[in-house]
N, C-alpha and C. Protein backbone atom coordinates (compact mmCIF):
# COMPACT_ATOMS: atom_id res chain seq x y z
N MET A 1 -66.38 163.77 -116.04
CA MET A 1 -66.18 162.45 -116.64
C MET A 1 -66.53 162.59 -118.31
N ALA A 2 -65.78 162.20 -119.06
CA ALA A 2 -65.94 162.36 -120.46
C ALA A 2 -67.17 161.53 -120.92
N ARG A 3 -67.70 161.94 -121.92
CA ARG A 3 -68.85 161.10 -122.60
C ARG A 3 -68.38 160.30 -123.67
N ILE A 4 -68.79 159.08 -123.63
CA ILE A 4 -68.34 158.12 -124.67
C ILE A 4 -69.60 157.62 -125.46
N ILE A 5 -69.61 157.96 -126.73
CA ILE A 5 -70.73 157.72 -127.59
C ILE A 5 -70.24 157.03 -128.81
N ASP A 6 -70.65 155.88 -129.03
CA ASP A 6 -70.09 155.16 -130.38
C ASP A 6 -70.96 155.55 -131.49
N GLY A 7 -70.39 155.78 -132.72
CA GLY A 7 -70.94 156.15 -133.90
C GLY A 7 -70.99 157.62 -134.12
N GLU A 8 -71.78 158.02 -135.05
CA GLU A 8 -71.83 159.51 -135.53
C GLU A 8 -72.98 160.17 -134.73
N GLU A 9 -74.07 159.42 -134.42
CA GLU A 9 -75.20 160.13 -133.87
C GLU A 9 -74.98 160.36 -132.33
N LYS A 10 -75.17 161.56 -131.82
CA LYS A 10 -74.93 161.80 -130.59
C LYS A 10 -76.21 162.01 -129.70
N ASN A 11 -77.39 161.63 -130.33
CA ASN A 11 -78.60 161.59 -129.53
C ASN A 11 -79.64 160.79 -130.35
N LEU A 12 -80.69 160.18 -129.68
CA LEU A 12 -81.61 159.47 -130.41
C LEU A 12 -82.88 160.13 -130.69
N ILE A 13 -83.12 161.37 -130.22
CA ILE A 13 -84.20 162.13 -130.42
C ILE A 13 -84.38 163.34 -131.50
N GLY A 14 -83.28 163.49 -132.14
CA GLY A 14 -83.17 164.81 -133.14
C GLY A 14 -84.21 164.68 -134.21
N LYS A 15 -84.33 163.49 -134.85
CA LYS A 15 -85.41 163.50 -135.90
C LYS A 15 -86.75 163.71 -135.41
N ASN A 16 -87.16 163.21 -134.22
CA ASN A 16 -88.59 163.56 -133.72
C ASN A 16 -88.60 164.91 -133.27
N VAL A 17 -87.56 165.53 -132.81
CA VAL A 17 -87.59 167.08 -132.42
C VAL A 17 -87.99 167.83 -133.71
N ARG A 18 -87.25 167.56 -134.78
CA ARG A 18 -87.62 168.25 -136.12
C ARG A 18 -89.15 167.84 -136.55
N LYS A 19 -89.53 166.56 -136.38
CA LYS A 19 -90.69 166.36 -136.72
C LYS A 19 -91.88 167.08 -136.04
N PHE A 20 -91.70 166.98 -134.60
CA PHE A 20 -92.70 167.68 -133.92
C PHE A 20 -92.78 169.18 -134.05
N ARG A 21 -91.64 169.70 -133.99
CA ARG A 21 -91.45 171.16 -134.40
C ARG A 21 -92.10 171.66 -135.68
N THR A 22 -91.86 170.94 -136.77
CA THR A 22 -92.36 171.25 -138.14
C THR A 22 -93.89 170.99 -138.07
N GLU A 23 -94.40 170.05 -137.33
CA GLU A 23 -95.89 169.69 -137.36
C GLU A 23 -96.61 170.91 -136.73
N GLN A 24 -95.82 171.60 -135.75
CA GLN A 24 -96.50 172.80 -135.25
C GLN A 24 -96.14 174.18 -135.93
N LYS A 25 -95.57 173.88 -137.14
CA LYS A 25 -95.11 175.04 -137.93
C LYS A 25 -94.24 176.05 -137.11
N MET A 26 -93.42 175.48 -136.23
CA MET A 26 -92.56 176.45 -135.43
C MET A 26 -91.14 176.48 -135.97
N SER A 27 -90.48 177.49 -136.11
CA SER A 27 -89.17 177.70 -136.51
C SER A 27 -88.29 177.25 -135.44
N GLN A 28 -86.96 176.90 -135.86
CA GLN A 28 -85.98 176.79 -134.76
C GLN A 28 -85.77 177.95 -133.73
N GLN A 29 -85.86 179.04 -134.39
CA GLN A 29 -85.67 180.30 -133.44
C GLN A 29 -86.86 180.41 -132.59
N GLU A 30 -88.07 180.18 -133.18
CA GLU A 30 -89.38 180.20 -132.22
C GLU A 30 -89.27 179.22 -131.06
N LEU A 31 -88.83 178.01 -131.39
CA LEU A 31 -88.52 176.97 -130.37
C LEU A 31 -87.58 177.42 -129.27
N SER A 32 -86.49 178.01 -129.71
CA SER A 32 -85.35 178.50 -128.86
C SER A 32 -85.97 179.56 -127.93
N ILE A 33 -86.77 180.41 -128.53
CA ILE A 33 -87.39 181.53 -127.55
C ILE A 33 -88.36 180.99 -126.64
N LYS A 34 -89.11 179.97 -127.03
CA LYS A 34 -90.19 179.34 -126.14
C LYS A 34 -89.47 178.62 -125.01
N LEU A 35 -88.33 177.95 -125.31
CA LEU A 35 -87.62 177.11 -124.28
C LEU A 35 -87.00 178.26 -123.17
N GLU A 36 -86.70 179.38 -123.70
CA GLU A 36 -86.19 180.32 -122.76
C GLU A 36 -87.18 180.79 -121.69
N THR A 37 -88.53 180.69 -122.14
CA THR A 37 -89.58 181.10 -121.13
C THR A 37 -89.66 180.13 -120.02
N ILE A 38 -89.02 179.07 -120.12
CA ILE A 38 -89.02 177.85 -118.99
C ILE A 38 -87.54 177.70 -118.50
N ALA A 39 -86.64 178.65 -118.83
CA ALA A 39 -85.32 178.62 -118.21
C ALA A 39 -84.55 177.43 -118.81
N VAL A 40 -84.77 177.15 -120.21
CA VAL A 40 -83.96 175.98 -120.83
C VAL A 40 -83.44 176.87 -121.88
N TYR A 41 -82.12 176.96 -122.01
CA TYR A 41 -81.41 177.79 -122.95
C TYR A 41 -80.76 176.82 -123.94
N ILE A 42 -81.33 176.85 -125.11
CA ILE A 42 -80.77 176.15 -126.28
C ILE A 42 -80.83 177.08 -127.47
N CYS A 43 -79.78 177.51 -128.01
CA CYS A 43 -79.75 178.58 -129.14
C CYS A 43 -80.22 177.97 -130.31
N ARG A 44 -80.60 178.65 -131.32
CA ARG A 44 -81.08 178.25 -132.70
C ARG A 44 -80.08 177.11 -133.27
N GLY A 45 -78.83 177.51 -133.21
CA GLY A 45 -77.81 176.68 -133.88
C GLY A 45 -77.82 175.31 -133.28
N SER A 46 -77.75 175.30 -131.80
CA SER A 46 -77.95 174.13 -131.00
C SER A 46 -79.08 173.21 -131.36
N ILE A 47 -80.29 173.99 -131.61
CA ILE A 47 -81.42 173.05 -131.96
C ILE A 47 -81.12 172.44 -133.37
N SER A 48 -80.52 173.15 -134.23
CA SER A 48 -80.18 172.50 -135.52
C SER A 48 -79.35 171.37 -135.30
N ARG A 49 -78.34 171.48 -134.49
CA ARG A 49 -77.41 170.29 -134.29
C ARG A 49 -78.06 169.29 -133.43
N ILE A 50 -79.10 169.47 -132.62
CA ILE A 50 -79.81 168.42 -131.96
C ILE A 50 -80.62 167.72 -132.98
N GLU A 51 -81.20 168.39 -134.02
CA GLU A 51 -81.94 167.82 -135.04
C GLU A 51 -81.23 166.99 -135.92
N ASP A 52 -79.97 167.48 -136.39
CA ASP A 52 -79.10 166.46 -137.23
C ASP A 52 -78.34 165.46 -136.38
N GLN A 53 -78.59 165.48 -135.16
CA GLN A 53 -77.91 164.42 -134.27
C GLN A 53 -76.45 164.55 -134.03
N THR A 54 -75.95 165.76 -134.00
CA THR A 54 -74.48 165.98 -133.86
C THR A 54 -74.27 166.60 -132.63
N ARG A 55 -75.30 166.84 -131.83
CA ARG A 55 -75.16 167.26 -130.39
C ARG A 55 -76.06 166.56 -129.39
N THR A 56 -75.43 166.36 -128.20
CA THR A 56 -76.05 165.56 -127.08
C THR A 56 -77.20 166.40 -126.60
N VAL A 57 -78.07 165.79 -125.82
CA VAL A 57 -79.20 166.42 -125.16
C VAL A 57 -79.21 166.03 -123.73
N SER A 58 -79.32 166.99 -122.85
CA SER A 58 -79.38 166.73 -121.52
C SER A 58 -80.66 166.42 -121.05
N ASP A 59 -80.99 165.82 -119.90
CA ASP A 59 -82.30 165.42 -119.38
C ASP A 59 -83.12 166.62 -119.23
N ILE A 60 -82.49 167.83 -118.79
CA ILE A 60 -83.24 169.09 -118.58
C ILE A 60 -83.77 169.56 -120.02
N GLU A 61 -82.87 169.48 -120.92
CA GLU A 61 -83.30 169.98 -122.29
C GLU A 61 -84.45 169.11 -122.78
N LEU A 62 -84.38 167.77 -122.76
CA LEU A 62 -85.36 166.87 -123.24
C LEU A 62 -86.73 167.25 -122.46
N TYR A 63 -86.73 167.49 -121.26
CA TYR A 63 -87.85 167.84 -120.41
C TYR A 63 -88.43 169.06 -120.99
N GLY A 64 -87.55 170.12 -121.27
CA GLY A 64 -88.08 171.39 -121.86
C GLY A 64 -88.57 171.20 -123.32
N LEU A 65 -87.95 170.47 -124.08
CA LEU A 65 -88.46 170.05 -125.42
C LEU A 65 -89.86 169.43 -125.33
N ALA A 66 -90.02 168.43 -124.57
CA ALA A 66 -91.29 167.83 -124.34
C ALA A 66 -92.38 168.81 -123.90
N LYS A 67 -91.93 169.72 -123.03
CA LYS A 67 -93.02 170.54 -122.35
C LYS A 67 -93.54 171.70 -123.43
N ILE A 68 -92.56 172.15 -124.20
CA ILE A 68 -92.91 173.19 -125.17
C ILE A 68 -93.44 172.52 -126.43
N LEU A 69 -93.05 171.42 -126.89
CA LEU A 69 -93.76 170.64 -128.09
C LEU A 69 -94.90 169.95 -127.69
N ASN A 70 -95.23 169.89 -126.30
CA ASN A 70 -96.54 169.24 -125.74
C ASN A 70 -96.54 167.81 -126.29
N LYS A 71 -95.40 167.15 -126.05
CA LYS A 71 -95.39 165.69 -126.32
C LYS A 71 -94.80 165.00 -125.15
N PRO A 72 -95.14 163.64 -124.92
CA PRO A 72 -94.71 162.93 -123.83
C PRO A 72 -93.07 162.61 -124.16
N ILE A 73 -92.33 162.57 -123.16
CA ILE A 73 -90.94 162.15 -123.32
C ILE A 73 -90.79 160.91 -124.15
N GLU A 74 -91.56 159.98 -123.90
CA GLU A 74 -91.41 158.70 -124.52
C GLU A 74 -91.61 158.87 -125.99
N SER A 75 -92.42 159.74 -126.59
CA SER A 75 -92.68 159.92 -128.00
C SER A 75 -91.39 160.27 -128.60
N PHE A 76 -90.48 160.92 -128.00
CA PHE A 76 -89.21 161.39 -128.67
C PHE A 76 -88.33 160.18 -129.05
N PHE A 77 -88.60 159.02 -128.50
CA PHE A 77 -87.70 157.79 -128.60
C PHE A 77 -88.39 157.00 -129.69
N GLU A 78 -89.68 157.29 -130.14
CA GLU A 78 -90.42 156.39 -131.05
C GLU A 78 -89.82 156.41 -132.50
N GLU A 79 -89.73 155.38 -133.32
CA GLU A 79 -89.31 155.50 -134.65
C GLU A 79 -90.45 155.84 -135.60
């Protein structure tokens, strides 16, 4: 089934992913490597696209981001 997303933004969490990552002084590459340790595979380029909201995020990827960044899932949706 095709994904239908209105507008330019393809996810709601990208800005907070960047915020939480930079608060922890973690590079996109470091985040990618840490995600691999829990079998969530997002390359550095895809993390960049998530952060600029040009890529969608699956539930498994969101779970991994929350686990590695040590944040509750709900916090990714806060403004």
